[in-house]
Amino acid sequence: MNDEYEEPLGEAVSAISDLLAFDQLCAARGHVGDELRALATITASDPGRELARLWNWGAGDDADRMRTAFERELNRGLWTTTRRAFALVREHVSGSRRAIPVSGPDVDAALIAELITLARRGSPAGDAIDSLGGEAVAVAREDRDRALELIEDVHLTVGDDALGVLRASVFDAQVHAAIGETAFARKLCREILQYGRGVEGAGRSIEVAALLLGRLETDMGHAFRAAQNLDLAAQLARAREAR
């Protein structure tokens, strides 16, 4: 392997870092919907397409060295948010992240069935995410600023773990609901329900998000949507209890 691969790879990664969408990806800080929108923009850009081409180029005797170079180039950045953003780009290009499914009656039915299956597998608990997130929810009504600081710490703690991002987003939604920012809380809950598909062990996080969204929709007077989400939460709870 020579400069024929490494030079265009370095140029593509540098060009991606100059995109506005990359700045937006850094700023997303674990908000799944914002991350996916930024990644879609990056993928559609010229340097994004070039990066995808280079990822698929590796073959023959140089394949392993090309992939090593790819991993090295996309493991850069002084700040945690920058390193996380590069890691998300790397995972997205290599195909390890799944897109949000298109919504529709058939898709929704299949999604609910899959989420119930995931709920039966359980999810980890008792780590730093739960500790920080639980504290944030507990103090949210009395100390808004402290709660938001703790949620920021949660998002920084989860790193690139997909399940961790979901769990952090659940706490984020609960905090924003508690401080009266219900529109943002509903947005996060919907993203959790969409992104949770295919994430091993996400059942409990999805259950909490569905329950919270159902209650928030009830407060908004959206009876039909509230009933859908509350029913999903109940199905997931029954699946969890049946394990």
Foldseek 3Di string as FASTA:
>chain_A
DDCVQLVLLLVLLVVLCPDPLLVQCLVCLLLVVSNLVSLVVLCPDPSNVVLLVQLVPQDDPCNVVSVVSNVVSLQDDDDLSNRLSSVSSSCVSVPVADDQDDDDPVVVVVLLVQLLVLLLQAADDDDPLCVLLVVLLVCLLPDVVSSVVSLSVQSSVQRNQLLSSLSSLLSVLSSCVNNPVNVVSLVSLVSSSRRVRPRHNNNVSNLSSLQVNLVSCVVVVVPVSSVVSPVSSVSSVVSNVVD
